Structures are given as C-alpha cells and as structure tokens.
Amino acid sequence: MAKTNLDDETTAALTLFNEYVAADRERAQREQRLQKAQRAKDDAAVLVKKLSKGGSSKELSEAEAAYRSAAEKWKALYDGKEPPADAQDGEATESAEPESETEAEADAEAEKGDKTETET
C-alpha cells in the first residue's frame, strides 16, 4: 500500500476515532461478561430454589455456595471491578500438575480407593 501523508487535523481525527472504537469494543465486552454473570447467578438461584423444595442438605449447601460465588462475580462486574482470573472464565482452573511421578501414582491410587469406597 502506498503511504499517504495526512495533515495534523486528519491524524487527530483518526486517532480520536480509533480511541472511540477501542472504548466501544471494551464496553461491549464488559456488557457481555455482565450478562453472562447475570445468567449464571440466575441459574444458580433457580437451582437453590429447586433444591430447597426437595434436595439433600449437601446439594443445597453446594448450590448456595455456587450462588454466592456467582452473585459476588456479578456484583464485582456490575461495580466495574474485574473478578479474579479464575472466576472470570467461570471455570475452576485446577491444572496443578503433580511434582513427581510417584506423586501422580499416589493420586491415582487415592482416586481408585475413593471410587471403590463409594461403590460398596
């Protein structure tokens, strides 16, 4: 492409326009995150209501904890704050790898033991 020379006024106008576009893009992304957080909070509230009518106390307490977490994330986004990175994705990022091969084997053994205990 050929490089064109722009006067100062045109350069300033283009810079202002680019800043507006970037700000608008950020606003749209923030709105999407806020809507996603609102849906997660609403879904968690529905689950709490459902389990309060007929669910185990363990399930209800887990659902209440999930609701509180979703509500905190929504509130942070609503207030213009960014929640922690692990809460932003809506997923727990537990990708800690075992330090050694024997530790990985110990974890596998523990999982097998947990499964056999729940099956009996």
N, C-alpha and C. Protein backbone atom coordinates (compact mmCIF):
# COMPACT_ATOMS: atom_id res chain seq x y z
N MET A 1 0.83 -1.18 0.00
CA MET A 1 0.00 0.00 0.00
C MET A 1 0.87 1.24 0.00
N ALA A 2 0.37 2.22 -0.64
CA ALA A 2 1.09 3.48 -0.70
C ALA A 2 0.85 4.25 0.59
N LYS A 3 1.87 4.86 1.07
CA LYS A 3 1.76 5.63 2.30
C LYS A 3 1.30 7.04 1.94
N THR A 4 0.26 7.49 2.62
CA THR A 4 -0.24 8.83 2.35
C THR A 4 0.14 9.75 3.49
N ASN A 5 0.34 10.97 3.16
CA ASN A 5 0.65 11.98 4.16
C ASN A 5 -0.65 12.65 4.58
N LEU A 6 -0.90 12.66 5.87
CA LEU A 6 -2.11 13.27 6.40
C LEU A 6 -1.73 14.53 7.17
N ASP A 7 -2.64 15.49 7.10
CA ASP A 7 -2.37 16.70 7.88
C ASP A 7 -2.67 16.42 9.36
N ASP A 8 -2.29 17.33 10.20
CA ASP A 8 -2.44 17.14 11.65
C ASP A 8 -3.89 16.98 12.06
N GLU A 9 -4.80 17.71 11.44
CA GLU A 9 -6.22 17.65 11.80
C GLU A 9 -6.79 16.27 11.49
N THR A 10 -6.45 15.73 10.33
CA THR A 10 -6.94 14.41 9.94
C THR A 10 -6.35 13.33 10.85
N THR A 11 -5.07 13.45 11.16
CA THR A 11 -4.41 12.49 12.06
C THR A 11 -5.08 12.51 13.43
N ALA A 12 -5.38 13.68 13.94
CA ALA A 12 -6.03 13.81 15.25
C ALA A 12 -7.43 13.19 15.21
N ALA A 13 -8.15 13.42 14.12
CA ALA A 13 -9.50 12.87 13.98
C ALA A 13 -9.46 11.34 13.91
N LEU A 14 -8.50 10.80 13.18
CA LEU A 14 -8.37 9.35 13.09
C LEU A 14 -7.98 8.74 14.43
N THR A 15 -7.11 9.40 15.15
CA THR A 15 -6.71 8.93 16.46
C THR A 15 -7.90 8.91 17.41
N LEU A 16 -8.67 9.98 17.40
CA LEU A 16 -9.86 10.06 18.23
C LEU A 16 -10.86 8.97 17.87
N PHE A 17 -11.05 8.74 16.58
CA PHE A 17 -11.96 7.70 16.12
C PHE A 17 -11.48 6.33 16.58
N ASN A 18 -10.20 6.04 16.45
CA ASN A 18 -9.66 4.75 16.87
C ASN A 18 -9.82 4.54 18.38
N GLU A 19 -9.64 5.60 19.15
CA GLU A 19 -9.85 5.50 20.59
C GLU A 19 -11.31 5.22 20.91
N TYR A 20 -12.21 5.85 20.18
CA TYR A 20 -13.64 5.60 20.37
C TYR A 20 -13.98 4.14 20.06
N VAL A 21 -13.46 3.62 18.96
CA VAL A 21 -13.73 2.24 18.57
C VAL A 21 -13.21 1.28 19.64
N ALA A 22 -12.03 1.52 20.14
CA ALA A 22 -11.46 0.66 21.18
C ALA A 22 -12.30 0.71 22.46
N ALA A 23 -12.73 1.90 22.85
CA ALA A 23 -13.56 2.05 24.05
C ALA A 23 -14.91 1.37 23.86
N ASP A 24 -15.48 1.50 22.68
CA ASP A 24 -16.76 0.86 22.40
C ASP A 24 -16.63 -0.66 22.43
N ARG A 25 -15.53 -1.18 21.92
CA ARG A 25 -15.28 -2.62 21.94
C ARG A 25 -15.15 -3.11 23.38
N GLU A 26 -14.43 -2.38 24.21
CA GLU A 26 -14.28 -2.75 25.62
C GLU A 26 -15.63 -2.71 26.34
N ARG A 27 -16.45 -1.70 26.04
CA ARG A 27 -17.77 -1.60 26.67
C ARG A 27 -18.63 -2.78 26.29
N ALA A 28 -18.61 -3.17 25.02
CA ALA A 28 -19.41 -4.30 24.55
C ALA A 28 -18.95 -5.60 25.22
N GLN A 29 -17.64 -5.79 25.37
CA GLN A 29 -17.12 -6.98 26.03
C GLN A 29 -17.52 -7.00 27.50
N ARG A 30 -17.49 -5.84 28.14
CA ARG A 30 -17.90 -5.76 29.55
C ARG A 30 -19.37 -6.11 29.69
N GLU A 31 -20.19 -5.61 28.79
CA GLU A 31 -21.63 -5.92 28.82
C GLU A 31 -21.87 -7.42 28.64
N GLN A 32 -21.12 -8.04 27.75
CA GLN A 32 -21.27 -9.48 27.54
C GLN A 32 -20.88 -10.26 28.80
N ARG A 33 -19.78 -9.87 29.44
CA ARG A 33 -19.37 -10.53 30.68
C ARG A 33 -20.42 -10.34 31.77
N LEU A 34 -20.99 -9.15 31.84
CA LEU A 34 -22.02 -8.86 32.84
C LEU A 34 -23.26 -9.70 32.59
N GLN A 35 -23.68 -9.82 31.34
CA GLN A 35 -24.86 -10.64 31.01
C GLN A 35 -24.60 -12.11 31.31
N LYS A 36 -23.41 -12.59 31.02
CA LYS A 36 -23.06 -13.98 31.30
C LYS A 36 -23.09 -14.23 32.81
N ALA A 37 -22.55 -13.30 33.58
CA ALA A 37 -22.56 -13.42 35.03
C ALA A 37 -23.99 -13.38 35.57
N GLN A 38 -24.83 -12.55 34.97
CA GLN A 38 -26.23 -12.47 35.40
C GLN A 38 -26.94 -13.79 35.15
N ARG A 39 -26.71 -14.39 33.98
CA ARG A 39 -27.32 -15.70 33.68
C ARG A 39 -26.85 -16.77 34.65
N ALA A 40 -25.55 -16.77 34.96
CA ALA A 40 -25.01 -17.76 35.90
C ALA A 40 -25.63 -17.59 37.28
N LYS A 41 -25.79 -16.34 37.70
CA LYS A 41 -26.39 -16.05 39.00
C LYS A 41 -27.85 -16.49 39.03
N ASP A 42 -28.58 -16.20 37.95
CA ASP A 42 -29.98 -16.60 37.86
C ASP A 42 -30.14 -18.12 37.84
N ASP A 43 -29.27 -18.80 37.09
CA ASP A 43 -29.32 -20.27 37.04
C ASP A 43 -29.05 -20.87 38.41
N ALA A 44 -28.07 -20.31 39.12
CA ALA A 44 -27.75 -20.80 40.45
C ALA A 44 -28.91 -20.56 41.41
N ALA A 45 -29.59 -19.43 41.28
CA ALA A 45 -30.74 -19.13 42.14
C ALA A 45 -31.87 -20.12 41.88
N VAL A 46 -32.10 -20.47 40.62
CA VAL A 46 -33.14 -21.44 40.28
C VAL A 46 -32.81 -22.80 40.90
N LEU A 47 -31.54 -23.19 40.84
CA LEU A 47 -31.12 -24.46 41.41
C LEU A 47 -31.31 -24.47 42.93
N VAL A 48 -30.96 -23.37 43.59
CA VAL A 48 -31.14 -23.28 45.04
C VAL A 48 -32.62 -23.41 45.38
N LYS A 49 -33.46 -22.72 44.63
CA LYS A 49 -34.90 -22.78 44.90
C LYS A 49 -35.43 -24.21 44.70
N LYS A 50 -34.96 -24.86 43.64
CA LYS A 50 -35.40 -26.23 43.35
C LYS A 50 -34.96 -27.18 44.47
N LEU A 51 -33.70 -27.07 44.89
CA LEU A 51 -33.19 -27.96 45.92
C LEU A 51 -33.76 -27.66 47.29
N SER A 52 -34.18 -26.44 47.53
CA SER A 52 -34.77 -26.12 48.83
C SER A 52 -36.13 -26.78 48.99
N LYS A 53 -36.76 -27.11 47.87
CA LYS A 53 -38.06 -27.79 47.92
C LYS A 53 -37.93 -29.30 48.01
N GLY A 54 -36.79 -29.82 47.58
CA GLY A 54 -36.65 -31.27 47.63
C GLY A 54 -35.28 -31.73 47.22
N GLY A 55 -34.33 -31.50 48.04
CA GLY A 55 -32.97 -31.95 47.75
C GLY A 55 -32.25 -32.22 49.05
N SER A 56 -31.12 -32.87 48.95
CA SER A 56 -30.35 -33.15 50.16
C SER A 56 -29.71 -31.87 50.68
N SER A 57 -29.38 -31.90 51.94
CA SER A 57 -28.78 -30.70 52.54
C SER A 57 -27.39 -30.44 51.95
N LYS A 58 -26.67 -31.50 51.58
CA LYS A 58 -25.35 -31.33 50.98
C LYS A 58 -25.48 -30.64 49.62
N GLU A 59 -26.41 -31.11 48.80
CA GLU A 59 -26.63 -30.50 47.49
C GLU A 59 -27.06 -29.04 47.63
N LEU A 60 -27.93 -28.79 48.62
CA LEU A 60 -28.41 -27.43 48.84
C LEU A 60 -27.27 -26.52 49.27
N SER A 61 -26.41 -26.98 50.16
CA SER A 61 -25.31 -26.13 50.61
C SER A 61 -24.33 -25.86 49.47
N GLU A 62 -24.09 -26.86 48.61
CA GLU A 62 -23.22 -26.65 47.45
C GLU A 62 -23.85 -25.65 46.48
N ALA A 63 -25.16 -25.76 46.27
CA ALA A 63 -25.85 -24.83 45.37
C ALA A 63 -25.83 -23.42 45.93
N GLU A 64 -26.00 -23.30 47.25
CA GLU A 64 -25.95 -21.97 47.87
C GLU A 64 -24.56 -21.35 47.74
N ALA A 65 -23.53 -22.18 47.90
CA ALA A 65 -22.16 -21.68 47.73
C ALA A 65 -21.93 -21.23 46.29
N ALA A 66 -22.43 -22.00 45.33
CA ALA A 66 -22.30 -21.62 43.92
C ALA A 66 -23.05 -20.31 43.65
N TYR A 67 -24.21 -20.15 44.27
CA TYR A 67 -24.98 -18.91 44.09
C TYR A 67 -24.22 -17.72 44.66
N ARG A 68 -23.66 -17.89 45.86
CA ARG A 68 -22.91 -16.78 46.47
C ARG A 68 -21.72 -16.39 45.59
N SER A 69 -21.04 -17.38 45.06
CA SER A 69 -19.89 -17.11 44.19
C SER A 69 -20.33 -16.37 42.93
N ALA A 70 -21.42 -16.83 42.32
CA ALA A 70 -21.93 -16.19 41.11
C ALA A 70 -22.40 -14.76 41.41
N ALA A 71 -23.04 -14.58 42.56
CA ALA A 71 -23.52 -13.25 42.93
C ALA A 71 -22.36 -12.29 43.18
N GLU A 72 -21.29 -12.79 43.81
CA GLU A 72 -20.11 -11.94 44.04
C GLU A 72 -19.45 -11.54 42.72
N LYS A 73 -19.37 -12.49 41.79
CA LYS A 73 -18.78 -12.19 40.49
C LYS A 73 -19.63 -11.14 39.76
N TRP A 74 -20.95 -11.33 39.77
CA TRP A 74 -21.84 -10.38 39.10
C TRP A 74 -21.69 -8.99 39.73
N LYS A 75 -21.67 -8.93 41.07
CA LYS A 75 -21.56 -7.65 41.77
C LYS A 75 -20.25 -6.95 41.41
N ALA A 76 -19.16 -7.72 41.36
CA ALA A 76 -17.86 -7.12 41.01
C ALA A 76 -17.91 -6.54 39.60
N LEU A 77 -18.46 -7.29 38.66
CA LEU A 77 -18.56 -6.79 37.29
C LEU A 77 -19.49 -5.58 37.22
N TYR A 78 -20.58 -5.63 37.94
CA TYR A 78 -21.54 -4.53 37.95
C TYR A 78 -20.91 -3.26 38.50
N ASP A 79 -20.06 -3.41 39.50
CA ASP A 79 -19.38 -2.26 40.10
C ASP A 79 -18.20 -1.78 39.28
N GLY A 80 -17.91 -2.46 38.18
CA GLY A 80 -16.82 -2.05 37.32
C GLY A 80 -15.49 -2.65 37.68
N LYS A 81 -15.50 -3.58 38.62
CA LYS A 81 -14.27 -4.25 39.01
C LYS A 81 -14.18 -5.57 38.24
N GLU A 82 -12.98 -6.01 38.03
CA GLU A 82 -12.79 -7.30 37.37
C GLU A 82 -12.59 -8.36 38.43
N PRO A 83 -13.37 -9.45 38.37
CA PRO A 83 -13.17 -10.52 39.34
C PRO A 83 -11.84 -11.23 39.09
N PRO A 84 -11.40 -12.05 40.01
CA PRO A 84 -10.15 -12.78 39.81
C PRO A 84 -10.17 -13.58 38.52
N ALA A 85 -9.02 -13.86 37.98
CA ALA A 85 -8.92 -14.53 36.68
C ALA A 85 -9.62 -15.87 36.67
N ASP A 86 -9.54 -16.66 37.75
CA ASP A 86 -10.18 -17.96 37.75
C ASP A 86 -11.70 -17.82 37.76
N ALA A 87 -12.23 -16.77 38.34
CA ALA A 87 -13.67 -16.57 38.35
C ALA A 87 -14.17 -15.98 37.04
N GLN A 88 -13.32 -15.30 36.29
CA GLN A 88 -13.74 -14.71 35.03
C GLN A 88 -14.20 -15.75 34.03
N ASP A 89 -13.48 -16.86 33.96
CA ASP A 89 -13.81 -17.87 32.97
C ASP A 89 -15.00 -18.70 33.37
N GLY A 90 -15.38 -18.59 34.62
CA GLY A 90 -16.47 -19.40 35.08
C GLY A 90 -16.08 -20.85 35.29
N GLU A 91 -14.83 -21.12 35.25
CA GLU A 91 -14.33 -22.47 35.42
C GLU A 91 -13.21 -22.45 36.45
N ALA A 92 -13.13 -23.51 37.20
CA ALA A 92 -12.00 -23.64 38.13
C ALA A 92 -10.78 -24.03 37.32
N THR A 93 -9.72 -23.34 37.53
CA THR A 93 -8.50 -23.64 36.78
C THR A 93 -7.56 -24.41 37.67
N GLU A 94 -7.89 -25.66 37.89
CA GLU A 94 -7.07 -26.52 38.72
C GLU A 94 -6.19 -27.36 37.82
N SER A 95 -5.17 -26.78 37.28
CA SER A 95 -4.29 -27.51 36.39
C SER A 95 -2.94 -27.74 37.04
N ALA A 96 -2.94 -27.83 38.36
CA ALA A 96 -1.68 -28.08 39.05
C ALA A 96 -1.24 -29.50 38.75
N GLU A 97 -0.03 -29.63 38.26
CA GLU A 97 0.47 -30.94 37.90
C GLU A 97 1.25 -31.51 39.07
N PRO A 98 1.20 -32.82 39.23
CA PRO A 98 1.97 -33.44 40.31
C PRO A 98 3.45 -33.13 40.16
N GLU A 99 4.14 -33.03 41.28
CA GLU A 99 5.55 -32.68 41.25
C GLU A 99 6.42 -33.83 40.79
N SER A 100 5.99 -35.04 41.01
CA SER A 100 6.81 -36.17 40.61
C SER A 100 5.92 -37.31 40.12
N GLU A 101 6.58 -38.32 39.55
CA GLU A 101 5.85 -39.47 39.04
C GLU A 101 5.21 -40.25 40.18
N THR A 102 5.90 -40.37 41.30
CA THR A 102 5.35 -41.12 42.42
C THR A 102 4.15 -40.40 43.02
N GLU A 103 4.18 -39.09 42.99
CA GLU A 103 3.04 -38.32 43.49
C GLU A 103 1.83 -38.54 42.58
N ALA A 104 2.05 -38.60 41.26
CA ALA A 104 0.96 -38.86 40.32
C ALA A 104 0.39 -40.25 40.56
N GLU A 105 1.26 -41.23 40.84
CA GLU A 105 0.79 -42.58 41.12
C GLU A 105 -0.01 -42.61 42.41
N ALA A 106 0.43 -41.86 43.42
CA ALA A 106 -0.28 -41.80 44.69
C ALA A 106 -1.66 -41.19 44.50
N ASP A 107 -1.74 -40.16 43.67
CA ASP A 107 -3.03 -39.55 43.38
C ASP A 107 -3.95 -40.53 42.69
N ALA A 108 -3.42 -41.29 41.74
CA ALA A 108 -4.23 -42.28 41.02
C ALA A 108 -4.72 -43.36 41.97
N GLU A 109 -3.86 -43.81 42.89
CA GLU A 109 -4.24 -44.82 43.88
C GLU A 109 -5.36 -44.27 44.78
N ALA A 110 -5.24 -43.03 45.19
CA ALA A 110 -6.25 -42.41 46.05
C ALA A 110 -7.59 -42.33 45.33
N GLU A 111 -7.58 -41.98 44.05
CA GLU A 111 -8.82 -41.92 43.28
C GLU A 111 -9.46 -43.29 43.17
N LYS A 112 -8.65 -44.32 42.93
CA LYS A 112 -9.18 -45.68 42.84
C LYS A 112 -9.82 -46.07 44.17
N GLY A 113 -9.17 -45.72 45.27
CA GLY A 113 -9.70 -46.03 46.59
C GLY A 113 -11.01 -45.31 46.85
N ASP A 114 -11.12 -44.06 46.41
CA ASP A 114 -12.35 -43.30 46.58
C ASP A 114 -13.49 -43.93 45.80
N LYS A 115 -13.20 -44.38 44.59
CA LYS A 115 -14.24 -44.98 43.75
C LYS A 115 -14.73 -46.29 44.34
N THR A 116 -13.84 -47.12 44.87
CA THR A 116 -14.26 -48.39 45.42
C THR A 116 -15.05 -48.20 46.71
N GLU A 117 -14.72 -47.17 47.49
CA GLU A 117 -15.47 -46.90 48.71
C GLU A 117 -16.88 -46.47 48.40
N THR A 118 -17.09 -45.67 47.35
CA THR A 118 -18.42 -45.20 47.00
C THR A 118 -19.26 -46.28 46.34
N GLU A 119 -18.60 -47.27 45.72
CA GLU A 119 -19.34 -48.34 45.05
C GLU A 119 -19.86 -49.37 46.03
N THR A 120 -19.22 -49.52 47.17
CA THR A 120 -19.64 -50.57 48.12
C THR A 120 -20.73 -50.11 49.03
